[in-house]
Amino acid sequence: MTDHLELRSGAYHDSVSLMQVSRQVAGANGVSAAQVAMATELNLEVIGAMGFTVPQGVQPNELVVAIRADDADGVAAGLAALDAALAGLRSAGSGAGGFGAAPPPRTLGRAVRAGDATLALVSVPGEHATVEAFDAIAQGVSVMVFSDNVPVEDEVRLKDAAAAQDVLVMGPDCGTAVVGGIALGFANVVERGPVGIVAASGTGAQQVMALLDAAGVGVSHCLGVGGRDLSSAVGGRSTRQALAALAADEATESILVVSKPPAAEVLADLEGYAAGLGKPVHWATLGAARPDLTAAVESFLGALGREVPTWPHWDALPISATLKDPPDQHPHDPSESDGPRREPRFLRGLFCGGTLADEAMLVAAQELGVGIRSNIPLSPDLALDADLRAQAHLVIDFGDDELTRGRAHPMIDPTLRLERIAAEGADPGCGVLLLDLVLGHGAHPDPAPELAEAIRGARAVATAAGRDLPVVVSLTGTRGDPQGLDTSGAQLSAAGAAVHLSNAEATRHALALLGVDRDGATR
């Protein structure tokens, strides 16, 4: 192996752009690992953990290039990919200029003053996001904070400041928004229509928009408010402002609120507030004994007088539809029977979307009758250890803040999840593999082939060990998405996965393959 590390000055780029650049460099011929990032403290820690030695005195405004390759030719290929990717960024970011052109604004506030913007987007490391967001709010514009790892205390301060300025803070960790038909962050291509969405959830909002699109219902705006907005600590501050904004919007006829499990008192307060807005407000808020997102959308369609369609799905081809040896959820002492003891098999959910993972856990816990272990558990006693492993039913959110520090979100770079899929293929305890795949702007430009190959590999390893490994994929997307919904579904189906547009249907299908009836009993 050959390691190459260099520093480049005067080459600042935002973190999301550099995540894409790192992926392009890592994909060059002969490159086994690459990290291209600004020299923030967190990024230097990540590069150091990769085994690179970074010189002392590096400044945060320097670009660090770390490439590990098979040989010198691999390093050269990586550097060529880097130069091409950075040239593409410069080309995309260049505007009218020439001799005597004014230098570009160096702060967000100055950029707002230089134009006629009404919305600013912040995508910098979390420790710097608060200052940038305050700068935008001070200029009287709404702000979408894409950055994660922002302290909740700063979130409350930002949202109070925004309320005083009568603007909206979307986020922090707001991954999805559609404003006036313009997609921001991770967002799907949907038709304009009469439904306004307030979303304390990114992939939850995408799931709802995908279902509405499949039903032929368009969206006026989708205002993300950050996954913590309906928590007790934040108190629904941005949700109130977003509801008021949609209630005043002439293009919006009905409002749908989407959320991860909210704090009960915050939800009750918001329901009371919404009742006085003068427009119908419906709720797709996850929680124990509450409807899943698909059921909530179906109820919403009924309220609109619209027909509920058969949600798109793609059958698994060409594999057996059921396990040959159904799992035993309650292992017993071998001495109690004449036959050999069967090893228990478990549901293993590996997700990129946090809300989709939450929904899968809620559905599975209800039907299995047991809690689901997770890195984002529904209750503290179900938390996974740091190695994210347990001989139990488990769901992992690879998009959680702890797993995205210094690396791209798995919807952009799925490396960690692909590695875990391979590991589950070799684990006899894995009875069914449940995955998600989210299409749309901002995501990987063509993720299905890579995921399909991983599915084939995991199933081949299981088959070689004498096991059948069913795979179910929740595919969130629309037929207008650049990756192609039908093409992606067909590719995953051909790899042997059953594919569903509805995340709830995908989860129930996985449980059926595991041998679980709707009453929770094993077959």
Protein backbone atom coordinates (compact mmCIF):
# COMPACT_ATOMS: atom_id res chain seq x y z
CA MET A 1 0.00 0.00 0.00
CA THR A 2 1.09 3.58 -0.73
CA ASP A 3 -0.13 6.53 1.35
CA HIS A 4 -0.25 10.09 0.07
CA LEU A 5 -1.13 13.17 2.15
CA GLU A 6 -0.96 16.77 1.03
CA LEU A 7 -2.31 20.16 2.08
CA ARG A 8 -3.78 22.71 -0.32
CA SER A 9 -4.33 26.35 0.59
CA GLY A 10 -6.94 28.67 -0.87
CA ALA A 11 -9.26 25.83 -1.80
CA TYR A 12 -12.25 26.07 0.53
CA HIS A 13 -15.32 23.97 -0.30
CA ASP A 14 -18.35 23.09 1.82
CA SER A 15 -18.54 19.74 3.58
CA VAL A 16 -21.29 18.25 1.40
CA SER A 17 -19.33 19.00 -1.80
CA LEU A 18 -16.16 17.48 -0.33
CA MET A 19 -18.03 14.34 0.68
CA GLN A 20 -18.87 13.85 -2.99
CA VAL A 21 -15.28 14.62 -3.97
CA SER A 22 -13.96 12.03 -1.48
CA ARG A 23 -16.24 9.43 -2.96
CA GLN A 24 -15.07 10.18 -6.50
CA VAL A 25 -11.42 9.93 -5.45
CA ALA A 26 -12.07 6.68 -3.55
CA GLY A 27 -13.60 5.25 -6.71
CA ALA A 28 -10.48 5.84 -8.81
CA ASN A 29 -8.65 2.76 -10.09
CA GLY A 30 -6.24 1.42 -7.47
CA VAL A 31 -7.48 3.64 -4.60
CA SER A 32 -8.57 1.76 -1.48
CA ALA A 33 -9.42 4.74 0.76
CA ALA A 34 -9.61 8.51 0.43
CA GLN A 35 -10.62 11.49 2.52
CA VAL A 36 -10.71 15.04 1.15
CA ALA A 37 -11.80 17.55 3.78
CA MET A 38 -11.17 20.95 5.31
CA ALA A 39 -8.72 20.75 8.21
CA THR A 40 -11.23 21.11 11.02
CA GLU A 41 -10.43 19.37 14.30
CA LEU A 42 -13.02 16.65 13.64
CA ASN A 43 -11.80 15.97 10.10
CA LEU A 44 -8.18 15.77 11.29
CA GLU A 45 -9.25 13.19 13.89
CA VAL A 46 -10.93 11.11 11.18
CA ILE A 47 -7.88 11.28 8.90
CA GLY A 48 -5.60 10.41 11.82
CA ALA A 49 -7.79 7.41 12.66
CA MET A 50 -7.28 6.23 9.07
CA GLY A 51 -3.54 5.96 9.83
CA PHE A 52 -2.33 9.18 8.23
CA THR A 53 0.06 11.55 10.03
CA VAL A 54 -1.04 15.17 9.64
CA PRO A 55 1.66 17.83 10.18
CA GLN A 56 1.38 20.18 13.14
CA GLY A 57 0.08 23.71 12.63
CA VAL A 58 -2.48 22.91 9.95
CA GLN A 59 -5.11 25.65 9.66
CA PRO A 60 -8.89 24.96 9.34
CA ASN A 61 -8.97 26.81 5.99
CA GLU A 62 -6.55 24.33 4.41
CA LEU A 63 -7.72 21.37 2.34
CA VAL A 64 -6.35 18.00 3.45
CA VAL A 65 -6.00 15.29 0.80
CA ALA A 66 -5.42 11.75 2.12
CA ILE A 67 -5.21 8.88 -0.37
CA ARG A 68 -4.34 5.23 0.27
CA ALA A 69 -3.70 3.25 -2.92
CA ASP A 70 -2.22 -0.02 -4.13
CA ASP A 71 0.83 1.73 -5.59
CA ALA A 72 2.08 5.00 -7.06
CA ASP A 73 -0.12 4.57 -10.12
CA GLY A 74 -3.15 4.34 -7.85
CA VAL A 75 -2.13 7.56 -6.10
CA ALA A 76 -1.77 9.26 -9.48
CA ALA A 77 -5.23 8.05 -10.49
CA GLY A 78 -6.66 9.37 -7.23
CA LEU A 79 -5.04 12.77 -7.67
CA ALA A 80 -6.32 12.96 -11.24
CA ALA A 81 -9.84 12.19 -9.98
CA LEU A 82 -9.39 14.84 -7.28
CA ASP A 83 -8.33 17.53 -9.74
CA ALA A 84 -11.24 16.69 -12.04
CA ALA A 85 -13.73 16.79 -9.17
CA LEU A 86 -12.43 20.11 -7.81
CA ALA A 87 -12.45 21.59 -11.31
CA GLY A 88 -16.09 20.58 -11.56
CA LEU A 89 -16.86 22.35 -8.29
CA ARG A 90 -15.12 25.51 -9.43
CA SER A 91 -16.95 25.43 -12.74
CA ALA A 92 -20.32 24.91 -11.06
CA GLY A 93 -19.66 27.70 -8.59
CA SER A 94 -18.33 30.26 -11.01
CA GLY A 95 -20.55 33.16 -11.91
CA ALA A 96 -20.22 36.27 -14.01
CA GLY A 97 -16.79 37.72 -13.49
CA GLY A 98 -13.76 39.07 -15.23
CA PHE A 99 -11.27 41.86 -14.63
CA GLY A 100 -12.44 44.10 -11.84
CA ALA A 101 -15.22 41.77 -10.67
CA ALA A 102 -16.12 42.10 -7.00
CA PRO A 103 -14.78 39.31 -4.75
CA PRO A 104 -17.38 36.82 -3.59
CA PRO A 105 -18.98 37.39 -0.17
CA ARG A 106 -17.04 35.71 2.63
CA THR A 107 -19.87 35.52 5.19
CA LEU A 108 -23.44 34.32 4.92
CA GLY A 109 -24.81 37.66 6.07
CA ARG A 110 -22.91 39.52 3.34
CA ALA A 111 -24.11 37.03 0.74
CA VAL A 112 -27.71 37.71 1.80
CA ARG A 113 -27.18 41.47 1.63
CA ALA A 114 -25.57 41.17 -1.80
CA GLY A 115 -28.65 39.55 -3.33
CA ASP A 116 -32.37 39.28 -2.82
CA ALA A 117 -32.42 35.92 -1.04
CA THR A 118 -35.23 35.05 1.34
CA LEU A 119 -33.75 31.69 2.37
CA ALA A 120 -30.20 30.70 3.32
CA LEU A 121 -28.80 27.16 3.54
CA VAL A 122 -26.12 26.29 6.11
CA SER A 123 -24.02 23.18 5.51
CA VAL A 124 -20.85 23.38 7.59
CA PRO A 125 -19.54 21.27 10.50
CA GLY A 126 -21.99 21.43 13.39
CA GLU A 127 -19.72 23.43 15.69
CA HIS A 128 -19.73 26.30 13.16
CA ALA A 129 -23.34 26.09 12.00
CA THR A 130 -24.91 28.13 14.81
CA VAL A 131 -22.86 31.26 14.05
CA GLU A 132 -23.71 31.07 10.35
CA ALA A 133 -27.41 30.54 11.05
CA PHE A 134 -27.53 33.53 13.44
CA ASP A 135 -25.86 35.61 10.72
CA ALA A 136 -28.67 34.74 8.29
CA ILE A 137 -31.44 35.32 10.84
CA ALA A 138 -29.99 38.74 11.67
CA GLN A 139 -30.47 39.67 8.01
CA GLY A 140 -34.15 38.76 8.24
CA VAL A 141 -34.15 35.59 6.12
CA SER A 142 -35.24 32.05 6.90
CA VAL A 143 -32.51 29.46 7.16
CA MET A 144 -32.24 25.75 6.47
CA VAL A 145 -29.58 24.20 8.71
CA PHE A 146 -28.49 21.02 6.94
CA SER A 147 -25.66 20.56 9.47
CA ASP A 148 -26.01 17.98 12.21
CA ASN A 149 -24.22 17.72 15.58
CA VAL A 150 -25.60 21.13 16.66
CA PRO A 151 -26.27 21.30 20.45
CA VAL A 152 -29.96 21.37 21.33
CA GLU A 153 -29.40 24.53 23.39
CA ASP A 154 -28.21 26.30 20.26
CA GLU A 155 -31.24 25.01 18.36
CA VAL A 156 -33.58 26.60 20.91
CA ARG A 157 -31.67 29.89 20.77
CA LEU A 158 -31.79 29.94 16.98
CA LYS A 159 -35.50 29.24 16.84
CA ASP A 160 -36.31 31.89 19.43
CA ALA A 161 -34.27 34.42 17.46
CA ALA A 162 -36.06 33.41 14.26
CA ALA A 163 -39.47 33.84 15.89
CA ALA A 164 -38.49 37.35 16.95
CA GLN A 165 -37.58 38.12 13.31
CA ASP A 166 -40.70 36.33 11.97
CA VAL A 167 -38.59 33.94 9.89
CA LEU A 168 -38.28 30.15 9.96
CA VAL A 169 -35.42 27.91 11.04
CA MET A 170 -35.53 24.56 9.25
CA GLY A 171 -33.29 22.24 11.24
CA PRO A 172 -30.66 21.71 12.55
CA ASP A 173 -30.14 18.36 10.83
CA CYS A 174 -32.83 19.28 8.31
CA GLY A 175 -32.06 16.95 5.44
CA THR A 176 -35.15 17.52 3.31
CA ALA A 177 -37.21 20.47 2.14
CA VAL A 178 -39.15 21.52 -0.95
CA VAL A 179 -39.88 25.24 -1.16
CA GLY A 180 -41.96 26.50 -4.06
CA GLY A 181 -41.09 23.42 -6.07
CA ILE A 182 -37.33 23.75 -5.41
CA ALA A 183 -35.75 20.70 -3.78
CA LEU A 184 -33.25 21.35 -0.98
CA GLY A 185 -31.01 18.72 0.59
CA PHE A 186 -32.22 15.16 0.05
CA ALA A 187 -35.53 15.53 -1.77
CA ASN A 188 -37.61 13.71 -4.35
CA VAL A 189 -39.07 15.04 -7.59
CA VAL A 190 -42.78 15.61 -6.93
CA GLU A 191 -45.54 17.48 -8.76
CA ARG A 192 -46.82 20.79 -7.43
CA GLY A 193 -50.14 20.45 -5.69
CA PRO A 194 -52.36 21.49 -2.77
CA VAL A 195 -50.71 19.63 0.14
CA GLY A 196 -48.31 21.41 2.46
CA ILE A 197 -46.04 19.26 4.62
CA VAL A 198 -44.38 20.14 7.92
CA ALA A 199 -41.71 17.56 8.63
CA ALA A 200 -39.78 16.90 11.83
CA SER A 201 -38.17 14.13 9.83
CA GLY A 202 -36.16 13.83 6.63
CA THR A 203 -36.74 10.36 5.25
CA GLY A 204 -40.20 10.36 6.81
CA ALA A 205 -41.04 13.39 4.69
CA GLN A 206 -39.58 11.66 1.63
CA GLN A 207 -41.63 8.53 2.32
CA VAL A 208 -44.82 10.59 2.62
CA MET A 209 -44.08 12.59 -0.54
CA ALA A 210 -43.33 9.37 -2.45
CA LEU A 211 -46.64 7.83 -1.35
CA LEU A 212 -48.57 11.01 -2.21
CA ASP A 213 -46.85 11.10 -5.61
CA ALA A 214 -47.83 7.46 -6.26
CA ALA A 215 -51.42 8.47 -5.43
CA GLY A 216 -51.28 11.41 -7.86
CA VAL A 217 -51.34 14.10 -5.17
CA GLY A 218 -48.92 17.04 -5.45
CA VAL A 219 -47.11 19.11 -2.82
CA SER A 220 -47.03 22.90 -2.44
CA HIS A 221 -44.16 23.03 0.06
CA CYS A 222 -42.39 20.64 2.40
CA LEU A 223 -40.93 22.58 5.32
CA GLY A 224 -38.45 20.53 7.32
CA VAL A 225 -38.05 21.61 10.92
CA GLY A 226 -35.40 19.20 12.22
CA GLY A 227 -35.88 15.84 13.88
CA ARG A 228 -35.77 17.26 17.43
CA ASP A 229 -38.38 19.99 16.92
CA LEU A 230 -41.22 18.02 18.54
CA SER A 231 -39.07 16.96 21.48
CA SER A 232 -39.72 18.32 24.97
CA ALA A 233 -36.50 20.34 24.80
CA VAL A 234 -37.42 22.23 21.61
CA GLY A 235 -41.18 22.29 22.10
CA GLY A 236 -42.30 22.46 18.46
CA ARG A 237 -40.99 25.99 17.96
CA SER A 238 -40.42 25.70 14.21
CA THR A 239 -43.45 23.49 13.65
CA ARG A 240 -45.69 26.32 14.90
CA GLN A 241 -44.08 28.81 12.52
CA ALA A 242 -44.24 26.38 9.61
CA LEU A 243 -47.92 25.65 10.28
CA ALA A 244 -48.68 29.36 10.36
CA ALA A 245 -46.77 29.92 7.11
CA LEU A 246 -48.64 27.15 5.29
CA ALA A 247 -51.97 28.32 6.69
CA ALA A 248 -51.27 31.73 5.09
CA ASP A 249 -50.14 30.21 1.77
CA GLU A 250 -52.77 30.42 -0.97
CA ALA A 251 -51.39 27.37 -2.82
CA THR A 252 -51.81 25.14 0.25
CA GLU A 253 -55.25 23.64 0.89
CA SER A 254 -54.43 20.91 3.40
CA ILE A 255 -51.49 20.37 5.76
CA LEU A 256 -49.86 17.10 6.81
CA VAL A 257 -47.44 17.01 9.77
CA VAL A 258 -44.82 14.24 9.66
CA SER A 259 -42.68 13.41 12.66
CA LYS A 260 -40.52 10.89 14.41
CA PRO A 261 -42.10 9.88 17.75
CA PRO A 262 -42.92 13.26 19.37
CA ALA A 263 -43.18 14.25 23.01
CA ALA A 264 -46.82 13.70 24.00
CA GLU A 265 -47.26 17.14 25.56
CA VAL A 266 -45.73 18.91 22.55
CA LEU A 267 -47.98 17.03 20.12
CA ALA A 268 -51.07 17.85 22.20
CA ASP A 269 -50.13 21.53 22.28
CA LEU A 270 -49.58 21.62 18.51
CA GLU A 271 -52.85 19.84 17.82
CA GLY A 272 -54.64 22.55 19.80
CA TYR A 273 -52.77 25.28 17.93
CA ALA A 274 -53.49 23.72 14.54
CA ALA A 275 -57.20 23.51 15.26
CA GLY A 276 -57.42 27.30 15.11
CA LEU A 277 -55.56 27.86 11.84
CA GLY A 278 -58.57 27.64 9.53
CA LYS A 279 -57.09 24.92 7.31
CA PRO A 280 -57.36 21.18 7.83
CA VAL A 281 -54.26 19.74 9.50
CA HIS A 282 -53.62 15.99 9.54
CA TRP A 283 -50.99 14.07 11.46
CA ALA A 284 -48.50 11.41 10.42
CA THR A 285 -46.63 11.28 13.71
CA LEU A 286 -45.06 7.97 14.61
CA GLY A 287 -45.40 6.37 18.02
CA ALA A 288 -46.59 3.34 19.91
CA ALA A 289 -50.23 2.58 19.08
CA ARG A 290 -50.23 5.31 16.41
CA PRO A 291 -50.67 4.66 12.67
CA ASP A 292 -47.56 4.01 10.59
CA LEU A 293 -46.76 6.51 7.84
CA THR A 294 -48.48 4.50 5.12
CA ALA A 295 -51.66 4.17 7.19
CA ALA A 296 -51.55 7.91 7.98
CA VAL A 297 -51.22 8.77 4.28
CA GLU A 298 -54.08 6.42 3.42
CA SER A 299 -56.27 8.13 6.03
CA PHE A 300 -55.24 11.52 4.63
CA LEU A 301 -56.13 10.44 1.08
CA GLY A 302 -59.53 9.34 2.37
CA ALA A 303 -60.08 12.76 3.93
CA LEU A 304 -59.25 14.34 0.56
CA GLY A 305 -61.71 12.05 -1.19
CA ARG A 306 -58.89 10.41 -3.15
CA GLU A 307 -58.59 6.72 -3.93
CA VAL A 308 -55.89 4.76 -2.12
CA PRO A 309 -53.79 2.96 -4.75
CA THR A 310 -52.03 -0.36 -4.54
CA TRP A 311 -48.60 0.77 -3.49
CA PRO A 312 -45.86 -0.13 -5.99
CA HIS A 313 -43.83 -3.24 -5.24
CA TRP A 314 -41.42 -5.54 -7.06
CA ASP A 315 -41.36 -9.26 -6.26
CA ALA A 316 -38.10 -10.95 -5.46
CA LEU A 317 -36.76 -12.81 -8.49
CA PRO A 318 -35.75 -15.55 -8.85
CA ILE A 319 -35.66 -16.88 -5.27
CA SER A 320 -37.82 -18.85 -2.88
CA ALA A 321 -40.30 -16.56 -1.15
CA THR A 322 -40.06 -18.12 2.31
CA LEU A 323 -37.51 -19.49 4.69
CA LYS A 324 -36.99 -23.24 4.46
CA ASP A 325 -36.44 -23.41 8.20
CA PRO A 326 -38.64 -20.88 10.03
CA PRO A 327 -36.99 -19.27 13.07
CA ASP A 328 -37.59 -20.28 16.63
CA GLN A 329 -38.22 -17.11 18.61
CA HIS A 330 -38.26 -19.04 21.91
CA PRO A 331 -35.27 -21.43 22.00
CA HIS A 332 -35.68 -24.33 24.40
CA ASP A 333 -33.53 -26.90 26.11
CA PRO A 334 -32.59 -29.66 23.62
CA SER A 335 -33.34 -32.24 26.29
CA GLU A 336 -37.00 -31.29 26.07
CA SER A 337 -37.36 -32.68 22.55
CA ASP A 338 -36.07 -35.48 20.40
CA GLY A 339 -34.77 -33.13 17.65
CA PRO A 340 -31.66 -30.97 17.64
CA ARG A 341 -31.90 -27.40 18.87
CA ARG A 342 -32.36 -24.83 16.08
CA GLU A 343 -30.40 -21.63 16.23
CA PRO A 344 -32.67 -18.58 16.58
CA ARG A 345 -32.88 -16.26 13.61
CA PHE A 346 -33.50 -12.57 13.87
CA LEU A 347 -34.66 -9.55 11.94
CA ARG A 348 -31.71 -7.38 10.95
CA GLY A 349 -32.67 -3.90 9.71
CA LEU A 350 -29.86 -1.79 8.22
CA PHE A 351 -31.15 1.69 7.40
CA CYS A 352 -29.91 4.99 6.00
CA GLY A 353 -33.06 6.86 7.08
CA GLY A 354 -33.63 7.48 10.77
CA THR A 355 -37.41 7.87 10.55
CA LEU A 356 -37.70 4.79 8.35
CA ALA A 357 -35.71 2.92 11.00
CA ASP A 358 -38.01 4.25 13.74
CA GLU A 359 -41.08 3.15 11.82
CA ALA A 360 -39.62 -0.31 11.18
CA MET A 361 -38.90 -0.74 14.90
CA LEU A 362 -42.41 0.35 15.88
CA VAL A 363 -44.03 -2.04 13.39
CA ALA A 364 -41.71 -4.92 14.27
CA ALA A 365 -42.02 -4.46 18.04
CA GLN A 366 -45.80 -4.53 17.79
CA GLU A 367 -45.89 -7.68 15.68
CA LEU A 368 -43.01 -9.54 17.34
CA GLY A 369 -44.11 -8.64 20.84
CA VAL A 370 -40.51 -7.83 21.86
CA GLY A 371 -38.33 -4.73 21.79
CA ILE A 372 -35.90 -4.10 18.95
CA ARG A 373 -32.25 -3.35 19.79
CA SER A 374 -30.86 -0.27 18.07
CA ASN A 375 -28.36 2.59 18.10
CA ILE A 376 -31.46 4.86 18.06
CA PRO A 377 -33.59 2.76 20.43
CA LEU A 378 -37.22 3.44 21.21
CA SER A 379 -36.30 3.04 24.90
CA PRO A 380 -32.88 3.31 26.63
CA ASP A 381 -32.81 -0.33 27.73
CA LEU A 382 -32.73 -1.42 24.07
CA ALA A 383 -29.57 0.51 23.17
CA LEU A 384 -26.88 -1.41 21.30
CA ASP A 385 -23.29 -1.43 22.49
CA ALA A 386 -20.68 0.52 20.54
CA ASP A 387 -19.97 -2.43 18.24
CA LEU A 388 -23.64 -2.36 17.12
CA ARG A 389 -23.98 -6.13 17.50
CA ALA A 390 -26.32 -8.40 19.44
CA GLN A 391 -27.89 -11.80 18.98
CA ALA A 392 -31.33 -10.25 18.85
CA HIS A 393 -33.73 -8.46 16.55
CA LEU A 394 -31.98 -5.18 15.73
CA VAL A 395 -32.28 -2.10 13.53
CA ILE A 396 -29.30 0.17 12.87
CA ASP A 397 -29.55 3.74 11.58
CA PHE A 398 -26.32 4.37 9.67
CA GLY A 399 -27.35 8.01 9.25
CA ASP A 400 -27.23 8.70 12.99
CA ASP A 401 -25.00 11.60 14.05
CA GLU A 402 -22.50 9.28 15.75
CA LEU A 403 -21.91 7.41 12.48
CA THR A 404 -21.67 10.49 10.23
CA ARG A 405 -18.99 12.43 12.11
CA GLY A 406 -16.34 13.23 9.53
CA ARG A 407 -17.93 11.11 6.80
CA ALA A 408 -20.68 11.42 4.23
CA HIS A 409 -24.24 10.44 5.01
CA PRO A 410 -24.92 6.83 3.94
CA MET A 411 -27.38 8.09 1.32
CA ILE A 412 -24.27 9.52 -0.37
CA ASP A 413 -21.59 7.05 0.72
CA PRO A 414 -23.02 3.65 1.75
CA THR A 415 -19.65 2.03 2.54
CA LEU A 416 -20.33 1.27 6.23
CA ARG A 417 -23.70 -0.27 5.48
CA LEU A 418 -22.37 -2.34 2.59
CA GLU A 419 -19.73 -3.77 4.92
CA ARG A 420 -22.41 -4.66 7.47
CA ILE A 421 -24.60 -6.32 4.81
CA ALA A 422 -21.68 -8.60 3.99
CA ALA A 423 -21.22 -9.40 7.69
CA GLU A 424 -24.91 -10.25 8.11
CA GLY A 425 -24.67 -12.64 5.17
CA ALA A 426 -22.13 -14.64 7.16
CA ASP A 427 -24.08 -14.51 10.45
CA PRO A 428 -26.32 -17.56 11.00
CA GLY A 429 -28.41 -15.45 13.37
CA CYS A 430 -29.58 -13.22 10.52
CA GLY A 431 -32.94 -14.63 9.46
CA VAL A 432 -34.15 -11.76 7.27
CA LEU A 433 -32.33 -8.67 6.05
CA LEU A 434 -34.44 -5.46 5.89
CA LEU A 435 -32.89 -2.51 4.06
CA ASP A 436 -33.94 0.90 2.83
CA LEU A 437 -32.89 2.80 -0.29
CA VAL A 438 -33.77 6.46 -0.73
CA LEU A 439 -33.67 8.09 -4.14
CA GLY A 440 -33.88 11.74 -5.15
CA HIS A 441 -31.76 14.86 -5.40
CA GLY A 442 -28.74 14.98 -3.10
CA ALA A 443 -28.47 11.21 -2.76
CA HIS A 444 -26.06 8.82 -4.49
CA PRO A 445 -26.53 9.28 -8.26
CA ASP A 446 -27.20 5.57 -8.84
CA PRO A 447 -27.23 3.53 -5.61
CA ALA A 448 -29.25 0.47 -6.71
CA PRO A 449 -26.51 -1.42 -8.61
CA GLU A 450 -24.10 -1.23 -5.65
CA LEU A 451 -26.78 -2.32 -3.20
CA ALA A 452 -27.91 -5.09 -5.54
CA GLU A 453 -24.36 -6.43 -5.73
CA ALA A 454 -24.10 -6.41 -1.93
CA ILE A 455 -27.40 -8.30 -1.67
CA ARG A 456 -26.18 -10.91 -4.14
CA GLY A 457 -22.95 -11.31 -2.21
CA ALA A 458 -24.64 -11.69 1.18
CA ARG A 459 -27.13 -14.22 -0.18
CA ALA A 460 -24.36 -16.20 -1.88
CA VAL A 461 -22.41 -16.46 1.39
CA ALA A 462 -25.54 -17.62 3.21
CA THR A 463 -26.32 -20.17 0.49
CA ALA A 464 -22.78 -21.57 0.67
CA ALA A 465 -23.35 -22.10 4.41
CA GLY A 466 -26.61 -23.95 3.75
CA ARG A 467 -28.90 -21.06 4.68
CA ASP A 468 -31.53 -19.07 2.80
CA LEU A 469 -31.31 -15.33 3.41
CA PRO A 470 -34.43 -13.42 2.34
CA VAL A 471 -33.91 -9.71 1.70
CA VAL A 472 -36.58 -7.00 1.69
CA VAL A 473 -35.94 -3.42 0.56
CA SER A 474 -37.99 -0.32 1.35
CA LEU A 475 -37.49 1.86 -1.76
CA THR A 476 -38.42 5.51 -1.24
CA GLY A 477 -38.63 7.49 -4.46
CA THR A 478 -40.78 8.78 -7.29
CA ARG A 479 -40.86 8.09 -11.00
CA GLY A 480 -39.48 11.58 -11.58
CA ASP A 481 -36.33 10.97 -9.54
CA PRO A 482 -33.09 11.04 -11.53
CA GLN A 483 -32.07 7.52 -10.42
CA GLY A 484 -35.30 5.99 -11.79
CA LEU A 485 -37.76 4.37 -9.40
CA ASP A 486 -38.76 1.49 -11.67
CA THR A 487 -35.21 0.85 -12.82
CA SER A 488 -33.95 0.75 -9.24
CA GLY A 489 -36.78 -1.53 -8.13
CA ALA A 490 -36.12 -3.93 -11.00
CA GLN A 491 -32.38 -4.08 -10.26
CA LEU A 492 -32.97 -4.94 -6.60
CA SER A 493 -35.64 -7.47 -7.53
CA ALA A 494 -33.23 -9.17 -9.92
CA ALA A 495 -30.73 -9.45 -7.05
CA GLY A 496 -33.28 -11.49 -5.09
CA ALA A 497 -34.86 -8.77 -2.93
CA ALA A 498 -38.55 -8.11 -2.44
CA VAL A 499 -39.02 -4.35 -2.89
CA HIS A 500 -41.80 -2.10 -1.55
CA LEU A 501 -42.47 1.63 -1.90
CA SER A 502 -44.18 1.51 1.50
CA ASN A 503 -41.70 1.15 4.36
CA ALA A 504 -44.41 -0.29 6.62
CA GLU A 505 -45.34 -2.90 3.99
CA ALA A 506 -41.66 -3.78 3.56
CA THR A 507 -41.29 -4.33 7.30
CA ARG A 508 -44.37 -6.53 7.53
CA HIS A 509 -43.18 -8.53 4.52
CA ALA A 510 -39.84 -9.10 6.26
CA LEU A 511 -41.62 -10.27 9.40
CA ALA A 512 -43.76 -12.65 7.35
CA LEU A 513 -40.61 -14.14 5.83
CA LEU A 514 -39.20 -14.49 9.30
CA GLY A 515 -42.27 -16.53 10.21
CA VAL A 516 -44.28 -13.99 12.18
CA ASP A 517 -48.05 -13.72 11.88
CA ARG A 518 -49.92 -10.48 12.47
CA ASP A 519 -50.71 -11.66 16.03
CA GLY A 520 -46.98 -11.99 16.79
CA ALA A 521 -46.90 -15.78 16.80
CA THR A 522 -44.20 -17.66 14.92
CA ARG A 523 -45.18 -20.21 12.33
